[in-house]
Amino acid sequence: MQVNNVQALGLNLCYTYLDLILSENIGRFEYQMHLKLNGGTFNGNLANSLTNLSWIFWSQPSPIFLKGVNVHTKYVVFITISHNDLMDDSTLQSIIKMAAKLKVLALESCHGIIRTPDFSGCPNLERLTFEQCSNLRRIDCSISKLKCLIYLRIYDCFALEDLPEEIGDLLNLQHFSVQQCKVKKLPDSIWNCKLLREVHFESRFDDLDSANSWELPSTMGRLQNLEVLIVNNEYLKGQLPFGIGSLPFLRILDLSYSCVSEVPRTINKLPCLQRLKLRECNKIQELPVLPTSLTHLVVSSKLLRATWISPT
C-alpha cells in the first residue's frame, strides 16, 4: 500500500527520542483524515499538507509544540487536545479560527488556558468540553454564537467562578454540566434553554457568603424535556418552586448538600420520578406525599420531622 493512500495515522512518541515529525514527510499522506498523536510535534509549515484532515487527537506534545506549524483545520470536525501545559489562549484560537466545520472540541488538562476562545469561527460546534483546565477563569460571551451546541461540560476547572448569561442563548442545548468548579450559581438565563434534558451543577465551598445565595426560579417549569436535575450547591436555598411539578419527564432529582428548605406538594405530580436525593439538606423539616413511581430515596436533615407520609 502506498503511504499517500493512508487515511488514518496514530503515532505514540511519548517514550522515544523521535519527537519531531517533518512537514515534508507528513505531507506525503495527502488523503489522511484521522490523526492521533501522543507526544512529539511537527516541524515546518503544514498549510498545504493534511488538507483533508477531519479528526485530530493531540496529547502530551513536546516542549516545541506547534513551533512554526500552520495546521490546516478547514475540514476538521473533531479536535481533542489533552495534557498540554503549553496550549495557551492564542494557540487555541489559531487552531479553531478557521475550523468552520468543527463539531466537537474537547480540552483536558490544558493548564495554559485562561479563557475560552472566540467561538465565532466555528458556528457548527455541537459538543464542547473543558476538563481539568485548572487556570480557566472566563467563558467568552461568544459562546452565544454556538446555536448548534447540544452538549456543554466543564469539569474540575477550579479557577472558574462565573458563567455568562449568554449561555441562555444556546437554544439547542440538551446536556449542561458544570462540576467541581467554584461557580456559585447557575446563570438565570439557563432556564431559557427549553430543550435541556440534563442539568448537572455540583460545587462545594469551604466558606459561605450568604450574599451569594440563590433559588431555583418558577420558570424552571418551562423545561418540559428535562429528565435529570442535579444541583449540589450549598448556596441554593429556599423552597422548590411549585413549577417543578410540571416537568413530565423528570426521572432524577438530586439537591443534596443544598440549603433547600421545603419541597412543594406538586412533586407528587411527577409521573416519571424514580430517584430523589436530598442528602444533608439540613433545612428541610418535612416531606410531602411523594410520587408512586419513586424507586430510590435518600433524605437526611437535622430538622426532619417524623411526620412524612409515604406514597400509597
C-alpha atoms as a PDB file:
ATOM      1  CA  MET A   1       0.000   0.000   0.000  1.00  0.00           C
ATOM      2  CA  GLN A   2       1.297   3.435  -0.888  1.00  0.00           C
ATOM      3  CA  VAL A   3       1.538   5.875   2.035  1.00  0.00           C
ATOM      4  CA  ASN A   4      -0.349   8.557   0.146  1.00  0.00           C
ATOM      5  CA  ASN A   5      -3.488   6.366   0.365  1.00  0.00           C
ATOM      6  CA  VAL A   6      -3.388   6.218   4.176  1.00  0.00           C
ATOM      7  CA  GLN A   7      -6.462   7.843   5.735  1.00  0.00           C
ATOM      8  CA  ALA A   8      -5.753   7.321   9.462  1.00  0.00           C
ATOM      9  CA  LEU A   9      -2.455   7.645  11.331  1.00  0.00           C
ATOM     10  CA  GLY A  10      -1.659   7.081  15.003  1.00  0.00           C
ATOM     11  CA  LEU A  11       1.784   7.781  16.483  1.00  0.00           C
ATOM     12  CA  ASN A  12       2.922   7.250  20.079  1.00  0.00           C
ATOM     13  CA  LEU A  13       6.178   9.153  20.559  1.00  0.00           C
ATOM     14  CA  CYS A  14       5.999   9.580  24.330  1.00  0.00           C
ATOM     15  CA  TYR A  15       8.764   7.069  25.037  1.00  0.00           C
ATOM     16  CA  THR A  16      11.021   7.647  22.055  1.00  0.00           C
ATOM     17  CA  TYR A  17      13.673  10.155  21.020  1.00  0.00           C
ATOM     18  CA  LEU A  18      11.747  10.872  17.817  1.00  0.00           C
ATOM     19  CA  ASP A  19       9.757  13.932  18.898  1.00  0.00           C
ATOM     20  CA  LEU A  20       9.858  15.777  15.555  1.00  0.00           C
ATOM     21  CA  ILE A  21       7.712  14.982  12.541  1.00  0.00           C
ATOM     22  CA  LEU A  22       8.888  16.908   9.484  1.00  0.00           C
ATOM     23  CA  SER A  23       6.156  18.589   7.469  1.00  0.00           C
ATOM     24  CA  GLU A  24       7.613  17.274   4.208  1.00  0.00           C
ATOM     25  CA  ASN A  25       7.254  13.709   5.499  1.00  0.00           C
ATOM     26  CA  ILE A  26       3.723  14.016   6.845  1.00  0.00           C
ATOM     27  CA  GLY A  27       2.785  15.849   3.667  1.00  0.00           C
ATOM     28  CA  ARG A  28       3.000  12.578   1.745  1.00  0.00           C
ATOM     29  CA  PHE A  29      -0.229  11.458   3.455  1.00  0.00           C
ATOM     30  CA  GLU A  30      -2.367  13.638   1.229  1.00  0.00           C
ATOM     31  CA  TYR A  31      -5.592  11.693   1.842  1.00  0.00           C
ATOM     32  CA  GLN A  32      -5.191  11.419   5.593  1.00  0.00           C
ATOM     33  CA  MET A  33      -8.384  12.228   7.514  1.00  0.00           C
ATOM     34  CA  HIS A  34      -7.645  10.986  11.072  1.00  0.00           C
ATOM     35  CA  LEU A  35      -4.561  11.919  13.107  1.00  0.00           C
ATOM     36  CA  LYS A  36      -3.777  10.675  16.623  1.00  0.00           C
ATOM     37  CA  LEU A  37      -0.514  11.863  18.145  1.00  0.00           C
ATOM     38  CA  ASN A  38       0.801  11.085  21.642  1.00  0.00           C
ATOM     39  CA  GLY A  39       3.939  13.096  22.307  1.00  0.00           C
ATOM     40  CA  GLY A  40       6.105  14.764  19.682  1.00  0.00           C
ATOM     41  CA  THR A  41       5.154  17.615  17.395  1.00  0.00           C
ATOM     42  CA  PHE A  42       5.512  18.832  13.841  1.00  0.00           C
ATOM     43  CA  ASN A  43       8.306  20.919  12.436  1.00  0.00           C
ATOM     44  CA  GLY A  44       7.631  23.054   9.415  1.00  0.00           C
ATOM     45  CA  ASN A  45       4.633  24.540   7.660  1.00  0.00           C
ATOM     46  CA  LEU A  46       1.551  22.376   7.209  1.00  0.00           C
ATOM     47  CA  ALA A  47      -0.525  24.968   5.365  1.00  0.00           C
ATOM     48  CA  ASN A  48      -0.542  22.840   2.208  1.00  0.00           C
ATOM     49  CA  SER A  49      -0.421  19.448   3.922  1.00  0.00           C
ATOM     50  CA  LEU A  50      -3.108  17.301   5.559  1.00  0.00           C
ATOM     51  CA  THR A  51      -5.733  19.350   3.749  1.00  0.00           C
ATOM     52  CA  ASN A  52      -8.343  16.573   4.168  1.00  0.00           C
ATOM     53  CA  LEU A  53      -7.842  16.262   7.916  1.00  0.00           C
ATOM     54  CA  SER A  54     -11.148  15.951   9.786  1.00  0.00           C
ATOM     55  CA  TRP A  55     -10.196  14.365  13.148  1.00  0.00           C
ATOM     56  CA  ILE A  56      -7.357  15.465  15.471  1.00  0.00           C
ATOM     57  CA  PHE A  57      -6.340  13.971  18.822  1.00  0.00           C
ATOM     58  CA  TRP A  58      -3.172  15.514  20.292  1.00  0.00           C
ATOM     59  CA  SER A  59      -1.810  14.569  23.709  1.00  0.00           C
ATOM     60  CA  GLN A  60       1.382  15.309  25.632  1.00  0.00           C
ATOM     61  CA  PRO A  61       3.247  17.324  22.981  1.00  0.00           C
ATOM     62  CA  SER A  62       6.945  18.057  23.292  1.00  0.00           C
ATOM     63  CA  PRO A  63       8.166  21.493  24.515  1.00  0.00           C
ATOM     64  CA  ILE A  64       8.446  22.717  20.945  1.00  0.00           C
ATOM     65  CA  PHE A  65       4.745  22.238  20.345  1.00  0.00           C
ATOM     66  CA  LEU A  66       3.479  23.962  17.209  1.00  0.00           C
ATOM     67  CA  LYS A  67       6.792  25.663  16.501  1.00  0.00           C
ATOM     68  CA  GLY A  68       6.491  27.083  13.008  1.00  0.00           C
ATOM     69  CA  VAL A  69       3.452  24.931  12.239  1.00  0.00           C
ATOM     70  CA  ASN A  70       0.291  26.070  10.497  1.00  0.00           C
ATOM     71  CA  VAL A  71      -2.244  23.264  10.978  1.00  0.00           C
ATOM     72  CA  HIS A  72      -4.923  23.019   8.310  1.00  0.00           C
ATOM     73  CA  THR A  73      -8.318  22.899  10.083  1.00  0.00           C
ATOM     74  CA  LYS A  74     -10.730  23.918   7.318  1.00  0.00           C
ATOM     75  CA  TYR A  75     -12.371  20.475   7.182  1.00  0.00           C
ATOM     76  CA  VAL A  76     -11.738  19.361  10.766  1.00  0.00           C
ATOM     77  CA  VAL A  77     -14.865  18.284  12.659  1.00  0.00           C
ATOM     78  CA  PHE A  78     -13.268  16.716  15.769  1.00  0.00           C
ATOM     79  CA  ILE A  79     -10.456  18.129  17.944  1.00  0.00           C
ATOM     80  CA  THR A  80      -9.279  16.706  21.267  1.00  0.00           C
ATOM     81  CA  ILE A  81      -6.226  18.176  22.994  1.00  0.00           C
ATOM     82  CA  SER A  82      -5.118  16.726  26.320  1.00  0.00           C
ATOM     83  CA  HIS A  83      -2.338  17.008  28.914  1.00  0.00           C
ATOM     84  CA  ASN A  84      -0.883  20.045  27.208  1.00  0.00           C
ATOM     85  CA  ASP A  85       0.643  22.626  29.547  1.00  0.00           C
ATOM     86  CA  LEU A  86       1.892  24.630  26.569  1.00  0.00           C
ATOM     87  CA  MET A  87      -1.519  25.182  24.985  1.00  0.00           C
ATOM     88  CA  ASP A  88      -2.484  28.797  25.673  1.00  0.00           C
ATOM     89  CA  ASP A  89      -5.322  31.082  24.617  1.00  0.00           C
ATOM     90  CA  SER A  90      -3.686  32.394  21.449  1.00  0.00           C
ATOM     91  CA  THR A  91      -2.592  28.943  20.255  1.00  0.00           C
ATOM     92  CA  LEU A  92      -6.062  27.513  20.761  1.00  0.00           C
ATOM     93  CA  GLN A  93      -7.588  30.485  18.954  1.00  0.00           C
ATOM     94  CA  SER A  94      -5.273  29.971  15.985  1.00  0.00           C
ATOM     95  CA  ILE A  95      -6.259  26.307  15.759  1.00  0.00           C
ATOM     96  CA  ILE A  96     -10.024  26.821  15.701  1.00  0.00           C
ATOM     97  CA  LYS A  97     -10.368  30.201  13.944  1.00  0.00           C
ATOM     98  CA  MET A  98     -10.623  28.526  10.532  1.00  0.00           C
ATOM     99  CA  ALA A  99     -12.470  25.412  11.742  1.00  0.00           C
ATOM    100  CA  ALA A 100     -15.873  26.354  10.356  1.00  0.00           C
ATOM    101  CA  LYS A 101     -16.976  22.706  10.220  1.00  0.00           C
ATOM    102  CA  LEU A 102     -15.839  21.824  13.740  1.00  0.00           C
ATOM    103  CA  LYS A 103     -18.446  19.824  15.671  1.00  0.00           C
ATOM    104  CA  VAL A 104     -16.518  18.508  18.692  1.00  0.00           C
ATOM    105  CA  LEU A 105     -13.930  20.392  20.768  1.00  0.00           C
ATOM    106  CA  ALA A 106     -12.541  18.830  23.952  1.00  0.00           C
ATOM    107  CA  LEU A 107      -9.653  20.095  26.079  1.00  0.00           C
ATOM    108  CA  GLU A 108      -8.331  18.138  29.046  1.00  0.00           C
ATOM    109  CA  SER A 109      -5.550  19.204  31.430  1.00  0.00           C
ATOM    110  CA  CYS A 110      -4.593  22.226  29.343  1.00  0.00           C
ATOM    111  CA  HIS A 111      -3.409  24.437  32.195  1.00  0.00           C
ATOM    112  CA  GLY A 112      -2.328  27.340  29.985  1.00  0.00           C
ATOM    113  CA  ILE A 113      -5.930  28.111  29.004  1.00  0.00           C
ATOM    114  CA  ILE A 114      -7.241  31.160  30.884  1.00  0.00           C
ATOM    115  CA  ARG A 115     -10.318  31.976  28.826  1.00  0.00           C
ATOM    116  CA  THR A 116     -12.218  30.144  26.143  1.00  0.00           C
ATOM    117  CA  PRO A 117     -11.617  31.277  22.561  1.00  0.00           C
ATOM    118  CA  ASP A 118     -13.831  33.386  20.347  1.00  0.00           C
ATOM    119  CA  PHE A 119     -16.265  30.805  19.010  1.00  0.00           C
ATOM    120  CA  SER A 120     -17.493  32.932  16.098  1.00  0.00           C
ATOM    121  CA  GLY A 121     -15.423  30.900  13.636  1.00  0.00           C
ATOM    122  CA  CYS A 122     -16.997  27.534  14.495  1.00  0.00           C
ATOM    123  CA  PRO A 123     -20.794  28.025  14.421  1.00  0.00           C
ATOM    124  CA  ASN A 124     -21.433  24.304  13.813  1.00  0.00           C
ATOM    125  CA  LEU A 125     -19.958  23.151  17.137  1.00  0.00           C
ATOM    126  CA  GLU A 126     -22.188  20.546  18.816  1.00  0.00           C
ATOM    127  CA  ARG A 127     -20.093  19.308  21.760  1.00  0.00           C
ATOM    128  CA  LEU A 128     -17.782  21.415  23.951  1.00  0.00           C
ATOM    129  CA  THR A 129     -15.761  20.107  26.899  1.00  0.00           C
ATOM    130  CA  PHE A 130     -13.217  21.684  29.239  1.00  0.00           C
ATOM    131  CA  GLU A 131     -11.886  19.220  31.800  1.00  0.00           C
ATOM    132  CA  GLN A 132      -9.229  19.829  34.461  1.00  0.00           C
ATOM    133  CA  CYS A 133      -8.111  23.104  32.886  1.00  0.00           C
ATOM    134  CA  SER A 134      -7.005  24.488  36.247  1.00  0.00           C
ATOM    135  CA  ASN A 135      -6.464  28.114  35.155  1.00  0.00           C
ATOM    136  CA  LEU A 136      -9.632  28.568  33.134  1.00  0.00           C
ATOM    137  CA  ARG A 137     -11.252  31.725  34.509  1.00  0.00           C
ATOM    138  CA  ARG A 138     -13.629  33.002  31.860  1.00  0.00           C
ATOM    139  CA  ILE A 139     -16.138  31.651  29.363  1.00  0.00           C
ATOM    140  CA  ASP A 140     -16.152  34.041  26.416  1.00  0.00           C
ATOM    141  CA  CYS A 141     -19.534  35.610  25.676  1.00  0.00           C
ATOM    142  CA  SER A 142     -19.206  34.478  22.051  1.00  0.00           C
ATOM    143  CA  ILE A 143     -20.452  31.114  23.294  1.00  0.00           C
ATOM    144  CA  SER A 144     -23.863  32.537  22.386  1.00  0.00           C
ATOM    145  CA  LYS A 145     -22.887  32.053  18.727  1.00  0.00           C
ATOM    146  CA  LEU A 146     -22.983  28.281  19.126  1.00  0.00           C
ATOM    147  CA  LYS A 147     -26.567  27.772  18.010  1.00  0.00           C
ATOM    148  CA  CYS A 148     -25.922  24.093  17.232  1.00  0.00           C
ATOM    149  CA  LEU A 149     -24.411  23.233  20.623  1.00  0.00           C
ATOM    150  CA  ILE A 150     -26.195  20.341  22.307  1.00  0.00           C
ATOM    151  CA  TYR A 151     -23.577  19.293  24.896  1.00  0.00           C
ATOM    152  CA  LEU A 152     -21.583  21.531  27.273  1.00  0.00           C
ATOM    153  CA  ARG A 153     -19.377  20.080  30.006  1.00  0.00           C
ATOM    154  CA  ILE A 154     -16.982  21.953  32.297  1.00  0.00           C
ATOM    155  CA  TYR A 155     -15.355  19.730  34.904  1.00  0.00           C
ATOM    156  CA  ASP A 156     -12.747  20.317  37.593  1.00  0.00           C
ATOM    157  CA  CYS A 157     -11.761  23.833  36.481  1.00  0.00           C
ATOM    158  CA  PHE A 158     -11.018  25.281  39.934  1.00  0.00           C
ATOM    159  CA  ALA A 159     -10.395  28.885  38.838  1.00  0.00           C
ATOM    160  CA  LEU A 160     -13.779  29.307  37.140  1.00  0.00           C
ATOM    161  CA  GLU A 161     -16.181  31.310  39.339  1.00  0.00           C
ATOM    162  CA  ASP A 162     -18.810  32.697  36.967  1.00  0.00           C
ATOM    163  CA  LEU A 163     -20.838  31.653  33.957  1.00  0.00           C
ATOM    164  CA  PRO A 164     -22.012  34.186  31.352  1.00  0.00           C
ATOM    165  CA  GLU A 165     -25.706  34.866  30.867  1.00  0.00           C
ATOM    166  CA  GLU A 166     -25.126  34.272  27.147  1.00  0.00           C
ATOM    167  CA  ILE A 167     -25.436  30.563  27.900  1.00  0.00           C
ATOM    168  CA  GLY A 168     -29.168  31.156  27.766  1.00  0.00           C
ATOM    169  CA  ASP A 169     -28.821  31.764  24.014  1.00  0.00           C
ATOM    170  CA  LEU A 170     -27.894  28.100  23.454  1.00  0.00           C
ATOM    171  CA  LEU A 171     -31.410  27.173  22.435  1.00  0.00           C
ATOM    172  CA  ASN A 172     -30.463  23.682  21.208  1.00  0.00           C
ATOM    173  CA  LEU A 173     -28.567  22.751  24.374  1.00  0.00           C
ATOM    174  CA  GLN A 174     -29.625  19.374  25.780  1.00  0.00           C
ATOM    175  CA  HIS A 175     -26.861  18.465  28.244  1.00  0.00           C
ATOM    176  CA  PHE A 176     -25.395  21.064  30.632  1.00  0.00           C
ATOM    177  CA  SER A 177     -22.780  20.007  33.166  1.00  0.00           C
ATOM    178  CA  VAL A 178     -20.611  22.213  35.419  1.00  0.00           C
ATOM    179  CA  GLN A 179     -18.957  20.192  38.182  1.00  0.00           C
ATOM    180  CA  GLN A 180     -16.114  20.671  40.651  1.00  0.00           C
ATOM    181  CA  CYS A 181     -15.679  24.365  39.842  1.00  0.00           C
ATOM    182  CA  LYS A 182     -16.036  27.469  42.036  1.00  0.00           C
ATOM    183  CA  VAL A 183     -19.174  28.667  40.284  1.00  0.00           C
ATOM    184  CA  LYS A 184     -21.656  29.782  42.942  1.00  0.00           C
ATOM    185  CA  LYS A 185     -24.904  29.786  40.963  1.00  0.00           C
ATOM    186  CA  LEU A 186     -26.477  28.876  37.696  1.00  0.00           C
ATOM    187  CA  PRO A 187     -26.984  31.761  35.263  1.00  0.00           C
ATOM    188  CA  ASP A 188     -30.599  32.947  35.314  1.00  0.00           C
ATOM    189  CA  SER A 189     -30.764  32.533  31.546  1.00  0.00           C
ATOM    190  CA  ILE A 190     -30.180  28.764  31.672  1.00  0.00           C
ATOM    191  CA  TRP A 191     -33.928  28.221  32.034  1.00  0.00           C
ATOM    192  CA  ASN A 192     -34.394  29.680  28.533  1.00  0.00           C
ATOM    193  CA  CYS A 193     -32.804  26.522  27.101  1.00  0.00           C
ATOM    194  CA  LYS A 194     -36.081  24.690  26.649  1.00  0.00           C
ATOM    195  CA  LEU A 195     -34.549  21.607  25.034  1.00  0.00           C
ATOM    196  CA  LEU A 196     -32.444  20.784  28.103  1.00  0.00           C
ATOM    197  CA  ARG A 197     -32.658  17.144  29.121  1.00  0.00           C
ATOM    198  CA  GLU A 198     -29.938  17.047  31.778  1.00  0.00           C
ATOM    199  CA  VAL A 199     -28.589  19.700  34.177  1.00  0.00           C
ATOM    200  CA  HIS A 200     -25.623  18.771  36.393  1.00  0.00           C
ATOM    201  CA  PHE A 201     -24.370  21.551  38.669  1.00  0.00           C
ATOM    202  CA  GLU A 202     -22.117  20.479  41.523  1.00  0.00           C
ATOM    203  CA  SER A 203     -19.777  22.612  43.645  1.00  0.00           C
ATOM    204  CA  ARG A 204     -18.650  22.681  47.262  1.00  0.00           C
ATOM    205  CA  PHE A 205     -17.156  25.596  49.206  1.00  0.00           C
ATOM    206  CA  ASP A 206     -15.142  25.870  52.412  1.00  0.00           C
ATOM    207  CA  ASP A 207     -16.514  29.327  53.310  1.00  0.00           C
ATOM    208  CA  LEU A 208     -20.029  30.517  52.512  1.00  0.00           C
ATOM    209  CA  ASP A 209     -21.171  34.088  51.910  1.00  0.00           C
ATOM    210  CA  SER A 210     -24.933  34.466  52.288  1.00  0.00           C
ATOM    211  CA  ALA A 211     -24.871  37.311  49.755  1.00  0.00           C
ATOM    212  CA  ASN A 212     -24.393  34.677  47.051  1.00  0.00           C
ATOM    213  CA  SER A 213     -27.496  32.659  47.938  1.00  0.00           C
ATOM    214  CA  TRP A 214     -29.954  31.901  45.155  1.00  0.00           C
ATOM    215  CA  GLU A 215     -33.146  29.980  44.496  1.00  0.00           C
ATOM    216  CA  LEU A 216     -34.499  27.879  41.669  1.00  0.00           C
ATOM    217  CA  PRO A 217     -36.969  30.069  39.718  1.00  0.00           C
ATOM    218  CA  SER A 218     -40.574  29.287  38.903  1.00  0.00           C
ATOM    219  CA  THR A 219     -39.584  29.457  35.215  1.00  0.00           C
ATOM    220  CA  MET A 220     -37.842  26.107  35.521  1.00  0.00           C
ATOM    221  CA  GLY A 221     -41.240  24.621  34.707  1.00  0.00           C
ATOM    222  CA  ARG A 222     -40.599  25.648  31.098  1.00  0.00           C
ATOM    223  CA  LEU A 223     -38.078  22.831  30.666  1.00  0.00           C
ATOM    224  CA  GLN A 224     -40.618  20.304  29.501  1.00  0.00           C
ATOM    225  CA  ASN A 225     -37.933  17.914  28.222  1.00  0.00           C
ATOM    226  CA  LEU A 226     -35.916  17.846  31.458  1.00  0.00           C
ATOM    227  CA  GLU A 227     -35.093  14.336  32.675  1.00  0.00           C
ATOM    228  CA  VAL A 228     -32.220  14.900  35.125  1.00  0.00           C
ATOM    229  CA  LEU A 229     -31.760  17.818  37.541  1.00  0.00           C
ATOM    230  CA  ILE A 230     -28.753  17.572  39.851  1.00  0.00           C
ATOM    231  CA  VAL A 231     -27.850  20.693  41.810  1.00  0.00           C
ATOM    232  CA  ASN A 232     -25.415  20.003  44.652  1.00  0.00           C
ATOM    233  CA  ASN A 233     -24.663  23.565  45.696  1.00  0.00           C
ATOM    234  CA  GLU A 234     -24.607  24.992  49.206  1.00  0.00           C
ATOM    235  CA  TYR A 235     -25.725  28.436  48.027  1.00  0.00           C
ATOM    236  CA  LEU A 236     -29.038  27.055  46.781  1.00  0.00           C
ATOM    237  CA  LYS A 237     -31.727  27.916  49.328  1.00  0.00           C
ATOM    238  CA  GLY A 238     -35.462  28.371  49.830  1.00  0.00           C
ATOM    239  CA  GLN A 239     -38.488  26.442  48.697  1.00  0.00           C
ATOM    240  CA  LEU A 240     -38.503  24.488  45.487  1.00  0.00           C
ATOM    241  CA  PRO A 241     -40.872  26.241  43.063  1.00  0.00           C
ATOM    242  CA  PHE A 242     -44.341  24.767  42.540  1.00  0.00           C
ATOM    243  CA  GLY A 243     -43.496  24.616  38.826  1.00  0.00           C
ATOM    244  CA  ILE A 244     -41.278  21.611  39.440  1.00  0.00           C
ATOM    245  CA  GLY A 245     -44.439  19.517  39.353  1.00  0.00           C
ATOM    246  CA  SER A 246     -44.949  20.365  35.676  1.00  0.00           C
ATOM    247  CA  LEU A 247     -41.859  18.507  34.418  1.00  0.00           C
ATOM    248  CA  PRO A 248     -43.433  15.415  32.840  1.00  0.00           C
ATOM    249  CA  PHE A 249     -40.202  13.526  32.074  1.00  0.00           C
ATOM    250  CA  LEU A 250     -38.133  14.270  35.184  1.00  0.00           C
ATOM    251  CA  ARG A 251     -36.576  10.973  36.358  1.00  0.00           C
ATOM    252  CA  ILE A 252     -33.786  12.118  38.693  1.00  0.00           C
ATOM    253  CA  LEU A 253     -33.899  14.989  41.173  1.00  0.00           C
ATOM    254  CA  ASP A 254     -30.835  15.469  43.361  1.00  0.00           C
ATOM    255  CA  LEU A 255     -30.486  18.589  45.528  1.00  0.00           C
ATOM    256  CA  SER A 256     -28.077  17.129  48.060  1.00  0.00           C
ATOM    257  CA  TYR A 257     -25.821  19.403  50.152  1.00  0.00           C
ATOM    258  CA  SER A 258     -28.031  22.424  49.458  1.00  0.00           C
ATOM    259  CA  CYS A 259     -29.951  24.715  51.805  1.00  0.00           C
ATOM    260  CA  VAL A 260     -33.316  23.962  50.229  1.00  0.00           C
ATOM    261  CA  SER A 261     -35.903  24.296  52.982  1.00  0.00           C
ATOM    262  CA  GLU A 262     -39.138  22.978  51.517  1.00  0.00           C
ATOM    263  CA  VAL A 263     -40.346  20.508  48.882  1.00  0.00           C
ATOM    264  CA  PRO A 264     -43.743  21.507  47.436  1.00  0.00           C
ATOM    265  CA  ARG A 265     -46.791  19.239  47.242  1.00  0.00           C
ATOM    266  CA  THR A 266     -46.625  19.415  43.449  1.00  0.00           C
ATOM    267  CA  ILE A 267     -43.693  16.977  43.455  1.00  0.00           C
ATOM    268  CA  ASN A 268     -46.366  14.274  43.675  1.00  0.00           C
ATOM    269  CA  LYS A 269     -47.376  15.214  40.112  1.00  0.00           C
ATOM    270  CA  LEU A 270     -44.110  13.964  38.606  1.00  0.00           C
ATOM    271  CA  PRO A 271     -45.174  10.742  36.838  1.00  0.00           C
ATOM    272  CA  CYS A 272     -41.666   9.593  35.901  1.00  0.00           C
ATOM    273  CA  LEU A 273     -39.672  10.497  39.026  1.00  0.00           C
ATOM    274  CA  GLN A 274     -37.587   7.481  40.058  1.00  0.00           C
ATOM    275  CA  ARG A 275     -34.705   8.879  42.129  1.00  0.00           C
ATOM    276  CA  LEU A 276     -34.921  11.632  44.761  1.00  0.00           C
ATOM    277  CA  LYS A 277     -31.808  12.574  46.722  1.00  0.00           C
ATOM    278  CA  LEU A 278     -31.811  15.206  49.466  1.00  0.00           C
ATOM    279  CA  ARG A 279     -28.684  14.218  51.342  1.00  0.00           C
ATOM    280  CA  GLU A 280     -27.620  16.704  54.064  1.00  0.00           C
ATOM    281  CA  CYS A 281     -30.371  19.165  53.230  1.00  0.00           C
ATOM    282  CA  ASN A 282     -30.481  20.328  56.828  1.00  0.00           C
ATOM    283  CA  LYS A 283     -33.163  22.999  56.378  1.00  0.00           C
ATOM    284  CA  ILE A 284     -35.870  20.530  55.383  1.00  0.00           C
ATOM    285  CA  GLN A 285     -38.350  19.757  58.189  1.00  0.00           C
ATOM    286  CA  GLU A 286     -40.830  17.529  56.400  1.00  0.00           C
ATOM    287  CA  LEU A 287     -41.656  15.964  53.063  1.00  0.00           C
ATOM    288  CA  PRO A 288     -44.971  15.894  51.217  1.00  0.00           C
ATOM    289  CA  VAL A 289     -46.532  12.802  49.708  1.00  0.00           C
ATOM    290  CA  LEU A 290     -44.132  11.526  47.077  1.00  0.00           C
ATOM    291  CA  PRO A 291     -44.997  10.024  43.674  1.00  0.00           C
ATOM    292  CA  THR A 292     -45.592   6.284  43.488  1.00  0.00           C
ATOM    293  CA  SER A 293     -43.082   5.998  40.625  1.00  0.00           C
ATOM    294  CA  LEU A 294     -40.237   6.575  43.105  1.00  0.00           C
ATOM    295  CA  THR A 295     -37.774   3.663  43.409  1.00  0.00           C
ATOM    296  CA  HIS A 296     -34.788   5.313  45.129  1.00  0.00           C
ATOM    297  CA  LEU A 297     -34.982   7.785  48.004  1.00  0.00           C
ATOM    298  CA  VAL A 298     -32.162   9.328  50.062  1.00  0.00           C
ATOM    299  CA  VAL A 299     -33.021  12.033  52.602  1.00  0.00           C
ATOM    300  CA  SER A 300     -31.096  13.387  55.561  1.00  0.00           C
ATOM    301  CA  SER A 301     -31.737  16.560  57.537  1.00  0.00           C
ATOM    302  CA  LYS A 302     -31.067  17.634  61.104  1.00  0.00           C
ATOM    303  CA  LEU A 303     -34.561  19.144  61.251  1.00  0.00           C
ATOM    304  CA  LEU A 304     -36.530  16.377  59.554  1.00  0.00           C
ATOM    305  CA  ARG A 305     -39.706  15.526  61.439  1.00  0.00           C
ATOM    306  CA  ALA A 306     -41.181  12.045  61.687  1.00  0.00           C
ATOM    307  CA  THR A 307     -44.449  13.133  60.045  1.00  0.00           C
ATOM    308  CA  TRP A 308     -43.562  12.231  56.467  1.00  0.00           C
ATOM    309  CA  ILE A 309     -46.360  10.362  54.716  1.00  0.00           C
ATOM    310  CA  SER A 310     -45.143   7.725  52.273  1.00  0.00           C
ATOM    311  CA  PRO A 311     -46.821   7.229  48.902  1.00  0.00           C
ATOM    312  CA  THR A 312     -49.723   4.784  48.849  1.00  0.00           C
END
